[in-house]
Protein backbone atom coordinates (compact mmCIF):
# COMPACT_ATOMS: atom_id res chain seq x y z
CA MET A 1 20.78 -7.18 5.25
CA ILE A 2 18.73 -8.22 8.16
CA VAL A 3 20.65 -6.00 10.50
CA LYS A 4 19.87 -3.27 7.82
CA LEU A 5 16.13 -3.76 8.04
CA PHE A 6 16.05 -2.87 11.41
CA GLN A 7 18.36 -0.18 11.80
CA PRO A 8 17.02 3.22 13.10
CA ILE A 9 14.96 5.64 11.09
CA ALA A 10 17.23 8.39 10.03
CA ALA A 11 16.24 11.86 10.16
CA VAL A 12 14.98 12.84 6.60
CA MET A 13 13.33 16.27 6.26
CA GLU A 14 11.08 17.06 3.37
CA ARG A 15 13.32 18.99 1.12
CA ASN A 16 12.40 21.97 -0.72
CA HIS A 17 13.97 21.80 -4.36
CA PRO A 18 15.37 25.01 -5.32
CA ASN A 19 13.39 24.39 -8.62
CA THR A 20 10.18 22.44 -8.89
CA PRO A 21 11.60 19.32 -10.57
CA SER A 22 10.07 19.20 -14.37
CA VAL A 23 7.77 16.01 -15.36
CA CYS A 24 8.93 14.11 -18.21
CA GLU A 25 6.19 11.76 -18.43
CA SER A 26 7.30 8.21 -18.91
CA ASN A 27 3.74 6.89 -20.11
CA GLU A 28 4.31 3.96 -17.89
CA PRO A 29 0.77 1.96 -17.67
CA LEU A 30 -1.14 2.25 -14.82
CA ILE A 31 -2.10 -1.60 -13.85
CA GLN A 32 -4.39 -3.17 -11.41
CA ILE A 33 -2.52 -5.17 -8.56
CA PRO A 34 -3.28 -8.94 -8.72
CA ALA A 35 -5.64 -9.84 -5.79
CA ALA A 36 -3.79 -13.11 -5.37
CA HIS A 37 -0.30 -12.18 -5.09
CA PRO A 38 1.82 -13.81 -2.40
CA ARG A 39 2.75 -11.72 0.68
CA LEU A 40 0.86 -8.59 -0.95
CA PHE A 41 -2.60 -8.14 0.35
CA ILE A 42 -5.16 -5.52 -0.91
CA GLU A 43 -7.34 -3.74 1.56
CA PRO A 44 -9.04 -0.68 -0.74
CA ILE A 45 -9.79 1.36 2.12
CA TYR A 46 -11.59 4.28 0.83
CA TYR A 47 -14.03 1.57 -1.35
CA GLN A 48 -14.30 -0.15 1.98
CA GLN A 49 -15.34 3.56 3.59
CA GLN A 50 -17.83 3.78 0.43
CA ILE A 51 -16.38 7.11 -0.49
CA PRO A 52 -17.93 8.23 -4.20
CA ASP A 53 -15.80 6.98 -7.23
CA SER A 54 -13.17 5.13 -4.93
CA LEU A 55 -11.79 2.20 -6.63
CA ARG A 56 -12.74 -1.66 -5.36
CA THR A 57 -8.95 -2.51 -6.30
CA ILE A 58 -5.64 -0.98 -6.44
CA TYR A 59 -3.82 0.27 -9.13
CA VAL A 60 -0.36 1.77 -9.49
CA ARG A 61 2.29 2.33 -12.00
CA LYS A 62 4.11 -0.70 -13.30
CA GLY A 63 7.47 0.42 -11.94
CA VAL A 64 5.82 0.90 -8.54
CA PHE A 65 4.64 -2.59 -8.66
CA GLU A 66 8.29 -3.78 -9.60
CA ARG A 67 9.42 -2.11 -6.52
CA LEU A 68 6.99 -3.55 -4.32
CA GLN A 69 8.26 -7.00 -5.49
CA GLN A 70 11.74 -6.02 -4.92
CA ALA A 71 10.80 -4.89 -1.47
CA LEU A 72 8.97 -8.29 -0.65
CA THR A 73 12.16 -10.16 -1.57
CA LEU A 74 13.96 -8.03 1.15
CA LEU A 75 11.40 -8.42 3.78
CA PRO A 76 11.67 -11.75 5.86
CA GLN A 77 9.27 -14.30 5.05
CA GLU A 78 7.55 -14.37 8.04
CA TYR A 79 6.27 -10.68 7.16
CA SER A 80 3.80 -9.67 4.14
CA LEU A 81 2.74 -5.88 3.05
CA VAL A 82 -1.04 -4.58 3.12
CA LEU A 83 -1.92 -1.64 0.45
CA TYR A 84 -4.49 0.42 1.61
CA ASP A 85 -4.32 2.54 -1.47
CA GLY A 86 -2.13 3.32 -4.57
CA TYR A 87 -3.64 5.44 -7.66
CA ARG A 88 -6.52 7.76 -6.30
CA PRO A 89 -9.04 9.41 -8.83
CA PHE A 90 -9.31 13.21 -8.34
CA GLN A 91 -12.76 12.89 -7.35
CA VAL A 92 -11.63 10.88 -4.32
CA GLN A 93 -8.65 13.05 -3.57
CA HIS A 94 -10.92 16.03 -3.32
CA TYR A 95 -13.29 14.29 -1.01
CA LEU A 96 -10.59 13.12 1.33
CA PHE A 97 -9.11 16.96 1.45
CA SER A 98 -12.71 18.35 2.50
CA HIS A 99 -13.47 15.56 5.01
CA PHE A 100 -10.35 15.96 6.77
CA SER A 101 -10.64 19.73 6.84
CA ARG A 102 -14.02 19.46 8.28
CA GLN A 103 -12.61 17.00 10.88
CA LEU A 104 -10.00 19.29 11.73
CA ALA A 105 -12.25 22.31 11.90
CA GLN A 106 -14.08 20.29 14.70
CA GLN A 107 -10.80 19.51 16.72
CA MET A 108 -9.40 23.12 16.43
CA PRO A 109 -12.55 25.14 16.96
CA GLN A 110 -10.60 28.39 17.36
CA ALA A 111 -8.18 27.76 13.99
CA THR A 112 -8.62 30.38 11.26
CA SER A 113 -9.35 28.79 8.10
CA GLN A 114 -5.88 29.53 6.83
CA GLU A 115 -4.76 27.47 9.97
CA ILE A 116 -7.06 24.74 9.05
CA MET A 117 -5.92 24.67 5.47
CA GLN A 118 -2.27 24.48 6.35
CA ALA A 119 -2.95 21.47 8.73
CA THR A 120 -5.24 19.65 6.47
CA LYS A 121 -2.15 19.85 4.00
CA ARG A 122 -0.17 18.06 6.30
CA TYR A 123 -1.94 14.83 6.16
CA VAL A 124 -3.85 14.95 2.83
CA ALA A 125 -2.33 16.76 -0.42
CA PHE A 126 -4.36 19.54 -2.04
CA PRO A 127 -6.21 18.29 -4.92
CA SER A 128 -4.06 19.62 -7.73
CA GLU A 129 -3.07 18.17 -10.88
CA GLN A 130 -0.40 20.89 -11.71
CA SER A 131 3.08 19.83 -11.88
CA ALA A 132 4.16 22.35 -9.07
CA HIS A 133 1.82 21.10 -6.46
CA LEU A 134 0.77 17.78 -8.08
CA ALA A 135 -0.74 15.48 -5.08
CA PRO A 136 1.02 12.22 -5.29
CA HIS A 137 -1.81 9.72 -5.49
CA LEU A 138 -2.91 11.51 -8.54
CA THR A 139 0.21 9.67 -10.72
CA GLY A 140 -0.05 6.30 -9.56
CA GLY A 141 3.18 6.93 -7.86
CA ALA A 142 2.14 6.87 -4.42
CA ILE A 143 1.06 4.06 -2.06
CA ASP A 144 -0.05 3.72 1.26
CA VAL A 145 1.05 0.60 2.99
CA THR A 146 1.67 -1.43 5.80
CA LEU A 147 3.03 -4.24 7.87
CA ALA A 148 1.53 -7.85 8.15
CA ASP A 149 2.28 -11.10 9.25
CA VAL A 150 2.48 -14.00 6.46
CA THR A 151 -1.38 -14.30 6.68
CA GLY A 152 -2.08 -10.57 6.15
CA LYS A 153 -2.94 -9.80 9.67
CA VAL A 154 -2.07 -6.15 10.31
CA LEU A 155 0.71 -5.70 12.78
CA ASP A 156 0.96 -2.80 15.44
CA LEU A 157 2.54 0.16 14.03
CA GLY A 158 1.75 2.51 16.73
CA THR A 159 -1.29 4.38 15.14
CA ALA A 160 -4.12 3.78 13.00
CA PHE A 161 -4.02 4.45 9.30
CA ASP A 162 -4.66 7.76 8.23
CA GLU A 163 -4.63 9.10 11.96
CA MET A 164 -4.15 12.36 12.34
CA ASN A 165 -1.89 13.01 15.21
CA GLU A 166 1.97 13.61 15.99
CA LYS A 167 2.33 9.77 16.67
CA SER A 168 1.54 9.30 12.68
CA ALA A 169 5.09 10.59 11.72
CA THR A 170 7.34 7.75 10.84
CA ARG A 171 10.23 8.65 13.44
CA TYR A 172 7.66 9.23 16.27
CA PHE A 173 8.94 6.10 18.00
CA GLU A 174 12.56 6.88 17.56
CA GLN A 175 12.31 9.59 20.15
CA HIS A 176 9.74 7.71 22.08
CA THR A 177 10.98 4.41 21.67
CA ALA A 178 10.08 2.99 25.46
CA GLU A 179 6.15 3.91 24.44
CA ASN A 180 5.77 1.09 22.14
CA PRO A 181 9.10 -0.93 21.14
CA LEU A 182 7.15 -3.29 18.94
CA ALA A 183 5.77 -0.26 16.90
CA CYS A 184 8.98 1.13 16.55
CA ARG A 185 10.60 -2.02 15.20
CA HIS A 186 7.76 -2.67 12.65
CA ARG A 187 8.08 0.82 11.53
CA ARG A 188 11.66 0.36 11.02
CA LEU A 189 11.35 -2.93 9.25
CA LEU A 190 8.64 -1.44 6.77
CA TYR A 191 10.75 1.99 6.03
CA ASN A 192 14.28 0.15 5.43
CA CYS A 193 12.47 -2.65 2.97
CA MET A 194 10.58 -0.10 1.33
CA THR A 195 13.67 2.57 0.91
CA LEU A 196 15.83 -0.20 0.30
CA ALA A 197 13.77 -0.97 -2.78
CA GLY A 198 13.78 2.69 -3.99
CA PHE A 199 10.90 4.45 -2.09
CA THR A 200 10.92 7.72 -0.24
CA ASN A 201 8.74 8.37 2.52
CA TYR A 202 6.54 11.17 3.58
CA ALA A 203 7.68 11.98 7.08
CA GLU A 204 4.74 12.95 8.67
CA GLU A 205 2.97 9.47 7.65
CA TRP A 206 4.63 6.09 8.28
CA TRP A 207 2.27 4.39 5.74
CA HIS A 208 2.80 6.76 2.73
CA TYR A 209 5.39 6.19 0.24
CA ASP A 210 6.38 7.40 -3.06
CA TYR A 211 8.55 6.36 -6.41
CA HIS A 212 9.08 8.51 -9.44
CA ASN A 213 6.79 11.36 -8.78
CA VAL A 214 7.45 15.06 -7.92
CA ALA A 215 7.24 14.15 -4.04
CA TRP A 216 9.85 11.43 -4.97
CA ALA A 217 12.12 13.89 -6.76
CA ARG A 218 12.31 16.40 -4.43
CA ARG A 219 13.47 14.22 -1.72
CA VAL A 220 16.30 12.56 -3.52
CA GLN A 221 17.00 16.01 -5.48
CA ALA A 222 16.43 15.05 -8.69
CA GLN A 223 15.41 17.36 -11.34
CA VAL A 224 13.21 15.31 -13.21
CA ALA A 225 10.12 13.22 -11.91
CA TYR A 226 8.86 10.62 -14.82
CA TYR A 227 5.14 10.12 -13.11
CA GLY A 228 2.76 13.02 -13.87
CA ALA A 229 -1.05 13.30 -13.24
CA VAL A 230 -3.27 10.58 -14.68
CA HIS A 231 -6.83 11.09 -15.45
CA ALA A 232 -8.88 8.07 -15.27
CA THR A 233 -12.62 7.44 -16.13
CA ILE A 234 -14.22 5.47 -13.47
CA GLN A 235 -17.00 2.92 -14.00
CA ASN A 236 -18.48 0.68 -11.48
CA HIS A 237 -15.60 1.60 -9.14
CA THR A 238 -13.04 0.41 -11.80
CA VAL A 239 -10.53 1.94 -13.88
CA LYS A 240 -12.29 1.83 -17.54
CA GLU A 241 -9.53 3.90 -19.30
CA PHE A 242 -7.00 6.45 -18.36
CA ARG A 243 -4.73 9.23 -19.86
CA PHE A 244 -1.81 11.19 -18.70
CA LEU A 245 -2.07 14.90 -18.31
């Protein structure tokens, strides 16, 4: 098993399913991840950045939490996982899309509005609750995660979280191993423990993993996704109540 955890990350392209997977909502609850969970550390990054309506803790679907626990059983004992984000309210998704779009417009002053839109969508899903274009984090089935030591100290994975450049692509160091061999090793470990537990990865972001949502269904070529959009009422940066759309 240890050998499998450090094997190279295979090339996996984002697959265009011939038909958009349908959503058969499982009604699986949204749950709060325990802050004191061993080897699973919580760093709600958008709350730390004081983004309006962000959550002070991390919520995911029950099945996602179970898969995370499975990933931890696969991970060698000297490592842990740090979660940056899980379920993301629509307001936060909208804020992030606008924020990153403005950043890219400054970096690409000659780009057209359409080019800015496409570049933004490479790193942040358009804030949509429609099943054909459902933003993964709105389902509670997407997480942003990184690798850490047993104390929760984040390890080197080659870029910062949410860094918008080519080095954020999951397989970047498979083609440029000599540039940062340690980051390559850490990305392999994170990728393999997560995918062995049932998650799929978004190829442009080493930190983003999905389970049972439309993004996951497209990658595994499933006809059905089990997590649709979740609408939550946010009060004091916590989920007061939620409903499935």
